Protein backbone atom coordinates (compact mmCIF):
# COMPACT_ATOMS: atom_id res chain seq x y z
CA MET A 1 73.37 78.14 94.16
CA ARG A 2 73.39 74.44 93.33
CA GLY A 3 70.49 74.76 90.88
CA ASN A 4 72.41 77.35 88.87
CA THR A 5 75.34 74.97 88.26
CA ILE A 6 73.15 72.08 87.13
CA MET A 7 71.52 73.98 84.25
CA PRO A 8 74.80 75.06 82.58
CA LYS A 9 76.08 71.46 82.78
CA LEU A 10 72.85 70.18 81.24
CA LEU A 11 72.98 72.81 78.50
CA LYS A 12 76.62 71.92 77.80
CA LYS A 13 75.71 68.23 77.47
CA ILE A 14 72.82 69.05 75.14
CA ALA A 15 75.08 71.29 73.05
CA ILE A 16 77.71 68.55 72.75
CA VAL A 17 75.16 65.94 71.63
CA ALA A 18 73.52 68.40 69.21
CA SER A 19 76.87 69.33 67.66
CA ILE A 20 77.74 65.66 67.15
CA ILE A 21 74.37 65.01 65.50
CA VAL A 22 74.65 68.03 63.19
CA THR A 23 78.22 67.12 62.21
CA LEU A 24 77.46 63.47 61.49
CA VAL A 25 74.12 63.96 59.77
CA GLY A 26 75.40 67.05 57.95
CA SER A 27 78.38 65.27 56.42
CA LEU A 28 76.29 62.32 55.29
CA THR A 29 73.42 64.37 53.87
CA PHE A 30 76.00 66.54 52.07
CA VAL A 31 77.31 63.47 50.22
CA MET A 32 73.81 62.15 49.56
CA THR A 33 72.50 65.49 48.30
CA TYR A 34 75.50 65.78 46.00
CA GLN A 35 74.75 62.31 44.64
CA ASN A 36 71.07 63.19 44.11
CA ILE A 37 71.36 66.63 42.49
CA GLY A 38 75.05 67.56 42.14
CA PHE A 39 76.36 71.03 42.91
CA THR A 40 73.43 72.89 41.40
CA ASP A 41 72.20 76.39 42.24
CA ASN A 42 69.83 75.04 44.88
CA PHE A 43 72.33 72.57 46.39
CA VAL A 44 72.80 74.46 49.67
CA HIS A 45 69.05 74.88 50.17
CA GLN A 46 68.37 71.21 49.43
CA TRP A 47 71.26 70.06 51.60
CA LEU A 48 70.19 72.18 54.58
CA SER A 49 66.58 71.04 54.31
CA SER A 50 67.75 67.42 54.04
CA LEU A 51 70.00 67.97 57.04
CA ALA A 52 67.11 69.35 59.09
CA LEU A 53 64.74 66.53 58.12
CA ALA A 54 67.33 63.82 58.64
CA ALA A 55 68.47 65.23 61.99
CA LEU A 56 64.91 65.43 63.28
CA ILE A 57 64.17 61.89 62.12
CA MET A 58 67.55 60.24 62.65
CA ALA A 59 68.48 61.54 66.11
CA PRO A 60 65.66 59.83 68.02
CA ILE A 61 65.79 56.74 65.80
CA GLY A 62 69.57 56.57 66.11
CA PHE A 63 69.61 56.65 69.90
CA LEU A 64 66.88 54.02 70.11
CA LEU A 65 68.44 51.78 67.45
CA MET A 66 71.91 52.01 69.01
CA THR A 67 70.47 50.68 72.26
CA LEU A 68 68.44 47.93 70.57
CA VAL A 69 71.24 46.83 68.22
CA SER A 70 73.76 46.82 71.09
CA ARG A 71 71.48 44.63 73.21
CA PHE A 72 70.75 42.31 70.28
CA VAL A 73 74.44 41.89 69.42
CA LYS A 74 75.34 41.30 73.08
CA LYS A 75 72.64 38.63 73.29
CA CYS A 76 73.72 36.95 70.03
CA LEU A 77 77.46 37.18 70.73
CA PRO A 78 77.74 36.81 74.52
CA ASN A 79 81.23 35.29 74.51
CA THR A 80 82.71 37.77 72.05
CA SER A 81 85.01 40.59 73.15
CA ASP A 82 83.60 44.08 73.57
CA LEU A 83 85.77 45.30 70.70
CA LYS A 84 84.35 42.74 68.27
CA ARG A 85 80.78 43.35 69.45
CA ASN A 86 81.26 47.11 69.08
CA PHE A 87 82.58 46.56 65.56
CA VAL A 88 79.44 44.56 64.67
CA VAL A 89 77.23 47.23 66.26
CA GLY A 90 79.02 50.02 64.37
CA PHE A 91 78.76 48.28 61.02
CA SER A 92 75.10 47.37 61.60
CA MET A 93 74.23 50.91 62.66
CA ALA A 94 75.92 52.32 59.56
CA VAL A 95 73.91 50.15 57.19
CA ILE A 96 70.60 50.78 58.98
CA MET A 97 71.07 54.51 59.47
CA GLU A 98 72.45 55.14 55.98
CA SER A 99 69.52 53.38 54.37
CA VAL A 100 66.98 55.48 56.29
CA MET A 101 68.96 58.70 55.82
CA ALA A 102 69.34 58.04 52.08
CA PHE A 103 65.58 57.51 51.87
CA VAL A 104 64.80 60.78 53.66
CA THR A 105 67.39 62.74 51.67
CA THR A 106 66.36 61.33 48.29
CA LEU A 107 62.69 61.91 49.07
CA ASN A 108 63.44 65.51 50.06
CA ASN A 109 65.63 66.18 47.02
CA LEU A 110 63.72 64.39 44.28
CA GLY A 111 60.29 63.43 45.57
CA MET A 112 58.58 60.13 44.75
CA THR A 113 57.15 60.55 41.27
CA ASN A 114 58.70 57.44 39.75
CA ALA A 115 59.43 54.45 42.01
CA ALA A 116 62.16 53.00 39.78
CA GLU A 117 63.94 56.35 39.49
CA PHE A 118 63.57 56.94 43.23
CA ALA A 119 65.04 53.50 44.01
CA GLN A 120 67.97 54.12 41.68
CA ASN A 121 68.70 57.52 43.25
CA TRP A 122 68.25 56.14 46.78
CA PHE A 123 70.71 53.34 46.02
CA GLY A 124 73.21 55.81 44.54
CA ALA A 125 73.04 58.04 47.62
CA PHE A 126 73.21 55.04 49.94
CA THR A 127 76.24 53.45 48.28
CA LEU A 128 78.17 56.72 47.92
CA ALA A 129 77.67 57.67 51.57
CA LEU A 130 78.03 54.16 53.02
CA PRO A 131 81.85 54.14 53.32
CA LEU A 132 81.73 57.46 55.20
CA GLY A 133 78.82 56.17 57.27
CA ILE A 134 80.69 52.99 58.19
CA PHE A 135 83.74 55.02 59.19
CA ILE A 136 81.63 57.40 61.28
CA ALA A 137 79.62 54.59 62.90
CA LEU A 138 82.75 52.66 63.82
CA MET A 139 84.40 55.77 65.28
CA MET A 140 81.21 56.52 67.20
CA THR A 141 80.88 52.98 68.52
CA LEU A 142 84.53 52.34 69.31
CA PHE A 143 85.73 55.73 70.54
CA ILE A 144 83.16 58.50 70.88
CA LYS A 145 80.21 56.61 72.43
CA PRO A 146 82.18 55.24 75.42
CA ARG A 147 83.65 58.68 76.19
CA LEU A 148 80.31 60.39 75.65
CA GLU A 149 78.56 57.93 77.97
CA ARG A 150 81.14 58.62 80.70
CA TYR A 151 80.77 62.36 80.22
CA MET A 152 76.98 62.23 80.26
CA ALA A 153 77.02 60.19 83.46
CA SER A 154 79.23 62.79 85.20
């Protein structure tokens, strides 16, 4: 009987993490795709393909980077409160993740035919989505991550 209760708990934890990833990456790629191509006839297709690419690339990178950035900030700011360190981690994660996500989304939406045009579109997507990304990263770092870690440990 015990084995049957472990699998549903594991599946529930996977579903929670997957829903968080899809929500976060989906909202950011939505903004970035809009910046790249606007609400054109193929917007939904481009957005969903950008969402899939970004989620597959960003999820593993995000988990790894969150750990590395958290350790780095803790090492650099050992006497700083957890709240301040988490703020620095959240802001740093937003900038790093948005830059990579904007690259993936712009590449998916526009390709890389002209480097100057690509850079301009990447920067537009990055700067438009960055405020949302900072908000999301800070909420993740300050509120969601601690609760999620406690839940995952249970």
